[in-house]
Amino acid sequence: MTPRTVDHDDPLPPGWTYLDRVQDDEAWSRFRAAFGALRPGLHANAWPAITEPATSPHR
């Protein structure tokens, strides 16, 4: 069986795979440590969605 993406049932690109629960938790822990909580939103009062580190060249 070919893994499928959640949207549109397209096959995953070559070299891509799903993370298991432990890997997913570790990835999000690392993300939160680097950027804080993810705060996505459509309205300006929710922006920015992440807090960039002080060393970010885009800050």
C-alpha atoms as a PDB file:
ATOM      1  CA  MET A   1       0.000   0.000   0.000  1.00  0.00           C
ATOM      2  CA  THR A   2       1.328   3.449  -0.945  1.00  0.00           C
ATOM      3  CA  PRO A   3       1.152   6.015   1.885  1.00  0.00           C
ATOM      4  CA  ARG A   4      -1.201   8.868   1.021  1.00  0.00           C
ATOM      5  CA  THR A   5      -1.321  12.451   2.192  1.00  0.00           C
ATOM      6  CA  VAL A   6      -4.222  13.607   4.314  1.00  0.00           C
ATOM      7  CA  ASP A   7      -5.464  15.964   1.609  1.00  0.00           C
ATOM      8  CA  HIS A   8      -6.411  14.925  -1.920  1.00  0.00           C
ATOM      9  CA  ASP A   9      -5.174  11.352  -1.454  1.00  0.00           C
ATOM     10  CA  ASP A  10      -1.945  12.114  -3.377  1.00  0.00           C
ATOM     11  CA  PRO A  11       1.052   9.819  -2.883  1.00  0.00           C
ATOM     12  CA  LEU A  12       3.765  11.191  -0.636  1.00  0.00           C
ATOM     13  CA  PRO A  13       6.749  12.630  -2.552  1.00  0.00           C
ATOM     14  CA  PRO A  14       9.774  10.326  -2.900  1.00  0.00           C
ATOM     15  CA  GLY A  15      11.836  10.240   0.282  1.00  0.00           C
ATOM     16  CA  TRP A  16       8.980  11.442   2.513  1.00  0.00           C
ATOM     17  CA  THR A  17       7.433   9.383   5.273  1.00  0.00           C
ATOM     18  CA  TYR A  18       5.103   9.853   8.216  1.00  0.00           C
ATOM     19  CA  LEU A  19       6.554  10.312  11.706  1.00  0.00           C
ATOM     20  CA  ASP A  20       5.481   7.900  14.393  1.00  0.00           C
ATOM     21  CA  ARG A  21       3.999   9.365  17.594  1.00  0.00           C
ATOM     22  CA  VAL A  22       7.344   9.548  19.448  1.00  0.00           C
ATOM     23  CA  GLN A  23       9.086  11.227  16.494  1.00  0.00           C
ATOM     24  CA  ASP A  24       6.192  13.658  16.064  1.00  0.00           C
ATOM     25  CA  ASP A  25       6.268  14.621  19.764  1.00  0.00           C
ATOM     26  CA  GLU A  26      10.055  15.135  19.605  1.00  0.00           C
ATOM     27  CA  ALA A  27       9.783  17.301  16.492  1.00  0.00           C
ATOM     28  CA  TRP A  28       7.106  19.524  18.058  1.00  0.00           C
ATOM     29  CA  SER A  29       9.110  19.770  21.304  1.00  0.00           C
ATOM     30  CA  ARG A  30      12.123  20.982  19.348  1.00  0.00           C
ATOM     31  CA  PHE A  31       9.946  23.438  17.403  1.00  0.00           C
ATOM     32  CA  ARG A  32       8.440  24.873  20.611  1.00  0.00           C
ATOM     33  CA  ALA A  33      11.909  25.161  22.194  1.00  0.00           C
ATOM     34  CA  ALA A  34      13.146  27.168  19.215  1.00  0.00           C
ATOM     35  CA  PHE A  35      10.068  29.264  18.373  1.00  0.00           C
ATOM     36  CA  GLY A  36       7.589  29.068  21.266  1.00  0.00           C
ATOM     37  CA  ALA A  37       4.009  27.979  20.770  1.00  0.00           C
ATOM     38  CA  LEU A  38       2.594  27.969  17.247  1.00  0.00           C
ATOM     39  CA  ARG A  39      -0.146  30.585  17.037  1.00  0.00           C
ATOM     40  CA  PRO A  40      -1.556  30.382  13.508  1.00  0.00           C
ATOM     41  CA  GLY A  41      -4.369  32.711  12.641  1.00  0.00           C
ATOM     42  CA  LEU A  42      -6.023  34.698   9.897  1.00  0.00           C
ATOM     43  CA  HIS A  43      -6.350  37.903  11.896  1.00  0.00           C
ATOM     44  CA  ALA A  44      -3.571  40.366  12.685  1.00  0.00           C
ATOM     45  CA  ASN A  45      -4.069  40.036  16.460  1.00  0.00           C
ATOM     46  CA  ALA A  46      -2.806  36.438  16.168  1.00  0.00           C
ATOM     47  CA  TRP A  47       0.400  37.440  14.358  1.00  0.00           C
ATOM     48  CA  PRO A  48       3.216  36.612  14.411  1.00  0.00           C
ATOM     49  CA  ALA A  49       2.507  32.879  14.392  1.00  0.00           C
ATOM     50  CA  ILE A  50       5.930  32.178  15.923  1.00  0.00           C
ATOM     51  CA  THR A  51       8.471  34.161  17.914  1.00  0.00           C
ATOM     52  CA  GLU A  52      11.709  34.231  15.968  1.00  0.00           C
ATOM     53  CA  PRO A  53      14.915  33.668  17.942  1.00  0.00           C
ATOM     54  CA  ALA A  54      17.026  36.783  18.580  1.00  0.00           C
ATOM     55  CA  THR A  55      19.697  35.360  16.263  1.00  0.00           C
ATOM     56  CA  SER A  56      17.297  35.092  13.296  1.00  0.00           C
ATOM     57  CA  PRO A  57      18.465  37.048  10.239  1.00  0.00           C
ATOM     58  CA  HIS A  58      14.804  37.798   9.429  1.00  0.00           C
ATOM     59  CA  ARG A  59      14.041  39.447  12.742  1.00  0.00           C
END
